[in-house]
């Protein structure tokens, strides 16, 4: 988990220091700093929250649970996936592998678009530029001191300063405007298919991006971005073959994807 977040940490918003994960969060009119640490002796994670108003504490705890996937029945998931000959050695190599989540649906969607067709490091750099451009500063006294921008802030920003293709800038704008128009845009629908259909209706959001958002932010356990290049390479298959191959992995294809990415 820490390796995943460290590789993608947006400067100012997130940081990994001394085995701890730090990040900022917006709670209505106030902001918070969250500090998460692994406690192996208790088989748990410890969470410290620095916030002016405790009314939002339950929301923050729920988001930490989502990000670190602590609600997953990981033993049942491992047992199911290990029945498949392709996945069995991967599960044996990384037992208990969880699926890192997104802090916020809008943030995760923006980050997914920023990371399209570029390396993880380049996506992180673009995220830092966006935060500098329109994210709110925070007097935190911590290693993190800026809040990821809201949909309204991104919709109003001049994104030409990001230095990225016009088509992806338009997608960022479309995402932000859709999120402003529909505050429930990134809530789970009754089915995965409905969630994906709602997201792909946004200009510039394709199947891969929608599945990735569903996997990381909506926490859909069966989300599966079958056209992902790393998944295809590690599975030695094309998208149609991989989709067919993934049928026995339901309803835990998101975790199968995590194993394939890590392989």
Protein backbone atom coordinates (compact mmCIF):
# COMPACT_ATOMS: atom_id res chain seq x y z
CA UNK A 1 0.00 0.00 0.00
CA UNK A 2 2.69 2.50 0.99
CA UNK A 3 4.72 1.73 -2.13
CA UNK A 4 1.63 2.31 -4.27
CA UNK A 5 0.81 5.63 -2.62
CA UNK A 6 4.43 6.80 -2.49
CA UNK A 7 4.81 6.39 -6.25
CA UNK A 8 1.69 8.50 -6.84
CA UNK A 9 1.84 11.01 -3.96
CA UNK A 10 0.99 14.51 -5.20
CA UNK A 11 3.36 17.01 -3.56
CA UNK A 12 1.63 19.05 -0.89
CA UNK A 13 -1.43 16.80 -0.75
CA UNK A 14 0.18 13.47 0.18
CA UNK A 15 3.46 12.27 1.63
CA UNK A 16 5.06 9.11 2.97
CA UNK A 17 7.48 9.69 5.85
CA UNK A 18 8.96 7.16 8.27
CA UNK A 19 6.45 4.52 7.27
CA UNK A 20 3.48 6.85 7.73
CA UNK A 21 1.00 8.07 5.14
CA UNK A 22 -0.08 11.73 5.37
CA UNK A 23 -2.68 13.56 3.36
CA UNK A 24 -4.92 16.60 3.48
CA UNK A 25 -8.69 16.55 3.12
CA UNK A 26 -11.44 19.11 2.72
CA UNK A 27 -14.42 18.88 5.09
CA UNK A 28 -16.96 21.48 4.13
CA UNK A 29 -15.43 24.84 5.08
CA UNK A 30 -12.58 23.31 7.07
CA UNK A 31 -9.63 21.10 6.21
CA UNK A 32 -7.93 18.21 7.95
CA UNK A 33 -4.63 16.34 7.94
CA UNK A 34 -4.76 12.56 8.26
CA UNK A 35 -1.85 10.41 9.42
CA UNK A 36 -2.01 6.63 8.93
CA UNK A 37 0.44 4.09 10.32
CA UNK A 38 0.59 0.30 10.19
CA UNK A 39 0.46 -1.48 13.56
CA UNK A 40 1.54 -5.07 12.75
CA UNK A 41 1.28 -6.30 16.34
CA UNK A 42 -2.44 -5.50 16.31
CA UNK A 43 -3.02 -6.46 12.67
CA UNK A 44 -4.39 -2.97 12.20
CA UNK A 45 -3.74 0.56 11.04
CA UNK A 46 -3.64 3.52 13.39
CA UNK A 47 -5.18 6.80 12.28
CA UNK A 48 -4.53 10.27 13.67
CA UNK A 49 -6.73 13.14 12.52
CA UNK A 50 -5.80 16.81 12.89
CA UNK A 51 -9.01 18.76 12.35
CA UNK A 52 -10.68 21.88 13.74
CA UNK A 53 -14.20 20.42 13.72
CA UNK A 54 -14.82 16.87 14.91
CA UNK A 55 -18.24 16.71 13.24
CA UNK A 56 -16.66 15.25 10.12
CA UNK A 57 -14.66 12.58 11.92
CA UNK A 58 -16.86 9.66 10.84
CA UNK A 59 -16.56 10.75 7.20
CA UNK A 60 -12.77 10.81 7.45
CA UNK A 61 -12.63 7.38 9.09
CA UNK A 62 -14.88 5.94 6.36
CA UNK A 63 -12.57 7.35 3.71
CA UNK A 64 -9.47 5.92 5.36
CA UNK A 65 -11.20 2.53 5.42
CA UNK A 66 -11.93 2.90 1.70
CA UNK A 67 -8.40 3.99 0.79
CA UNK A 68 -6.75 1.13 2.70
CA UNK A 69 -9.47 -1.41 1.79
CA UNK A 70 -9.78 -2.62 5.37
CA UNK A 71 -13.33 -3.88 4.86
CA UNK A 72 -12.35 -6.55 2.33
CA UNK A 73 -12.79 -10.22 3.28
CA UNK A 74 -9.32 -10.83 1.93
CA UNK A 75 -9.12 -14.51 2.92
CA UNK A 76 -12.30 -15.33 1.01
CA UNK A 77 -11.06 -13.33 -1.98
CA UNK A 78 -7.68 -15.09 -1.97
CA UNK A 79 -9.34 -18.51 -1.70
CA UNK A 80 -11.58 -17.75 -4.66
CA UNK A 81 -8.82 -16.39 -6.93
CA UNK A 82 -6.36 -19.14 -6.00
CA UNK A 83 -8.63 -21.68 -7.69
CA UNK A 84 -7.50 -20.31 -11.04
CA UNK A 85 -4.19 -21.73 -12.36
CA UNK A 86 -3.10 -18.34 -13.71
CA UNK A 87 -3.71 -16.51 -10.44
CA UNK A 88 -2.77 -19.21 -7.93
CA UNK A 89 1.01 -18.48 -8.01
CA UNK A 90 0.35 -14.74 -7.80
CA UNK A 91 -1.89 -15.14 -4.74
CA UNK A 92 0.71 -17.44 -3.15
CA UNK A 93 3.39 -14.79 -3.73
CA UNK A 94 1.32 -11.93 -2.26
CA UNK A 95 -1.30 -13.37 0.13
CA UNK A 96 -3.61 -10.74 1.58
CA UNK A 97 -3.06 -8.28 -1.28
CA UNK A 98 -5.64 -5.54 -0.99
CA UNK A 99 -6.73 -2.98 -3.56
CA UNK A 100 -5.68 0.63 -2.83
CA UNK A 101 -8.63 2.99 -3.04
CA UNK A 102 -9.16 6.62 -3.97
CA UNK A 103 -9.76 9.25 -1.33
CA UNK A 104 -12.47 10.99 -3.31
CA UNK A 105 -14.31 10.08 -6.49
CA UNK A 106 -13.70 13.38 -8.24
CA UNK A 107 -10.02 13.45 -7.24
CA UNK A 108 -9.48 9.88 -8.43
CA UNK A 109 -11.20 10.59 -11.75
CA UNK A 110 -9.04 13.66 -12.33
CA UNK A 111 -5.91 11.71 -11.47
CA UNK A 112 -6.93 8.91 -13.86
CA UNK A 113 -7.22 11.42 -16.72
CA UNK A 114 -3.93 13.10 -15.79
CA UNK A 115 -2.24 9.70 -15.88
CA UNK A 116 -3.56 8.63 -19.29
CA UNK A 117 -0.84 7.79 -21.83
CA UNK A 118 1.97 8.94 -19.52
CA UNK A 119 4.10 7.31 -16.83
CA UNK A 120 3.10 7.20 -13.17
CA UNK A 121 5.78 9.81 -12.42
CA UNK A 122 4.50 12.12 -15.16
CA UNK A 123 0.93 11.78 -13.90
CA UNK A 124 2.13 12.70 -10.43
CA UNK A 125 3.89 15.79 -11.82
CA UNK A 126 0.73 16.90 -13.61
CA UNK A 127 -1.23 16.38 -10.40
CA UNK A 128 1.22 18.63 -8.57
CA UNK A 129 0.78 21.34 -11.21
CA UNK A 130 -3.00 21.16 -10.90
CA UNK A 131 -2.83 21.45 -7.11
CA UNK A 132 -0.48 24.42 -7.38
CA UNK A 133 -2.78 25.99 -9.97
CA UNK A 134 -6.08 25.81 -8.10
CA UNK A 135 -5.77 23.81 -4.87
CA UNK A 136 -6.30 25.69 -1.60
CA UNK A 137 -3.31 26.20 0.73
CA UNK A 138 -3.53 24.86 4.27
CA UNK A 139 -1.78 26.17 7.38
CA UNK A 140 -1.07 22.70 8.68
CA UNK A 141 2.43 22.64 10.15
CA UNK A 142 2.74 19.15 8.62
CA UNK A 143 4.57 17.71 5.63
CA UNK A 144 1.40 18.30 3.60
CA UNK A 145 -0.02 21.78 3.20
CA UNK A 146 -2.37 21.94 0.21
CA UNK A 147 -5.84 20.53 -0.47
CA UNK A 148 -6.72 18.84 -3.76
CA UNK A 149 -8.96 21.24 -5.76
CA UNK A 150 -12.71 20.90 -5.79
CA UNK A 151 -14.73 20.35 -8.95
CA UNK A 152 -15.72 24.04 -8.93
CA UNK A 153 -12.09 25.11 -8.69
CA UNK A 154 -11.03 22.90 -11.59
CA UNK A 155 -14.01 24.03 -13.70
CA UNK A 156 -12.97 27.68 -13.21
CA UNK A 157 -9.21 27.19 -13.72
CA UNK A 158 -7.14 27.98 -16.83
CA UNK A 159 -5.89 24.46 -17.53
CA UNK A 160 -3.63 25.51 -20.42
CA UNK A 161 -0.96 26.08 -17.77
CA UNK A 162 -0.79 22.34 -17.09
CA UNK A 163 1.12 21.66 -20.29
CA UNK A 164 -0.95 18.72 -21.51
CA UNK A 165 -2.89 17.92 -24.72
CA UNK A 166 -6.02 19.96 -25.39
CA UNK A 167 -8.17 16.83 -25.60
CA UNK A 168 -7.31 15.81 -22.06
CA UNK A 169 -7.78 19.36 -20.79
CA UNK A 170 -11.29 19.25 -22.25
CA UNK A 171 -11.90 15.96 -20.44
CA UNK A 172 -10.79 17.52 -17.14
CA UNK A 173 -13.21 20.41 -17.71
CA UNK A 174 -16.03 18.05 -18.64
CA UNK A 175 -15.41 15.97 -15.51
CA UNK A 176 -15.38 19.03 -13.29
CA UNK A 177 -18.54 20.47 -14.82
CA UNK A 178 -20.33 17.11 -14.56
CA UNK A 179 -19.33 16.81 -10.89
CA UNK A 180 -20.57 20.33 -10.16
CA UNK A 181 -23.87 19.59 -11.90
CA UNK A 182 -24.32 16.23 -10.15
CA UNK A 183 -22.89 15.99 -6.61
CA UNK A 184 -23.76 12.27 -6.59
CA UNK A 185 -21.83 11.54 -9.77
CA UNK A 186 -19.26 9.41 -7.98
CA UNK A 187 -21.62 7.39 -5.81
CA UNK A 188 -22.08 3.69 -6.59
CA UNK A 189 -25.07 2.75 -8.72
CA UNK A 190 -27.13 -0.40 -8.26
CA UNK A 191 -24.81 -2.28 -10.63
CA UNK A 192 -21.28 -1.93 -11.97
CA UNK A 193 -22.68 -1.58 -15.49
CA UNK A 194 -24.82 1.41 -14.44
CA UNK A 195 -21.84 3.09 -12.78
CA UNK A 196 -19.69 2.62 -15.89
CA UNK A 197 -22.47 3.86 -18.20
CA UNK A 198 -22.92 7.02 -16.12
CA UNK A 199 -19.20 7.77 -16.24
CA UNK A 200 -18.69 7.02 -19.93
CA UNK A 201 -21.48 9.50 -20.71
CA UNK A 202 -18.97 12.25 -19.78
CA UNK A 203 -17.03 13.61 -22.74
CA UNK A 204 -13.59 12.02 -22.93
CA UNK A 205 -14.23 9.22 -20.42
CA UNK A 206 -13.87 5.81 -22.01
CA UNK A 207 -14.37 2.28 -20.76
CA UNK A 208 -10.87 1.94 -19.26
CA UNK A 209 -11.14 5.17 -17.26
CA UNK A 210 -14.66 4.37 -16.07
CA UNK A 211 -13.64 0.88 -14.92
CA UNK A 212 -10.58 2.29 -13.17
CA UNK A 213 -12.69 4.91 -11.35
CA UNK A 214 -15.17 2.19 -10.39
CA UNK A 215 -12.34 0.02 -9.07
CA UNK A 216 -10.45 2.64 -7.06
CA UNK A 217 -13.10 5.19 -6.05
CA UNK A 218 -16.47 3.46 -6.15
CA UNK A 219 -14.90 0.31 -4.65
CA UNK A 220 -16.66 -1.98 -7.10
CA UNK A 221 -15.01 -5.37 -6.34
CA UNK A 222 -15.73 -6.70 -9.83
CA UNK A 223 -14.52 -3.66 -11.80
CA UNK A 224 -11.99 -4.74 -14.41
CA UNK A 225 -10.24 -2.41 -16.90
CA UNK A 226 -9.56 -5.20 -19.39
CA UNK A 227 -7.92 -2.91 -21.96
CA UNK A 228 -5.19 -1.85 -19.52
CA UNK A 229 -1.83 -2.38 -21.23
CA UNK A 230 -0.07 -3.77 -18.15
CA UNK A 231 -2.88 -6.26 -17.49
CA UNK A 232 -2.78 -7.39 -21.12
CA UNK A 233 0.99 -7.78 -21.09
CA UNK A 234 1.10 -9.68 -17.79
CA UNK A 235 -1.78 -11.93 -18.84
CA UNK A 236 -0.32 -12.49 -22.34
CA UNK A 237 -3.72 -11.80 -23.90
CA UNK A 238 -5.70 -9.26 -25.87
CA UNK A 239 -8.67 -7.44 -24.31
CA UNK A 240 -11.31 -9.88 -25.59
CA UNK A 241 -9.30 -12.87 -24.42
CA UNK A 242 -8.68 -11.32 -21.02
CA UNK A 243 -12.36 -10.50 -20.52
CA UNK A 244 -13.27 -14.10 -21.29
CA UNK A 245 -10.46 -15.36 -19.08
CA UNK A 246 -11.67 -13.19 -16.19
CA UNK A 247 -15.18 -14.67 -15.97
CA UNK A 248 -14.22 -17.26 -13.29
CA UNK A 249 -12.67 -14.45 -11.22
CA UNK A 250 -16.04 -12.78 -10.64
CA UNK A 251 -17.08 -11.17 -8.34
CA UNK A 252 -13.49 -10.27 -7.35
CA UNK A 253 -11.97 -9.17 -10.66
CA UNK A 254 -10.69 -5.92 -9.11
CA UNK A 255 -8.43 -8.02 -6.87
CA UNK A 256 -7.37 -10.21 -9.78
CA UNK A 257 -6.35 -7.00 -11.56
CA UNK A 258 -4.34 -5.96 -8.52
CA UNK A 259 -2.45 -9.25 -8.57
CA UNK A 260 -1.75 -8.93 -12.29
CA UNK A 261 -0.55 -5.34 -11.92
CA UNK A 262 1.78 -6.37 -9.11
CA UNK A 263 3.15 -9.31 -11.06
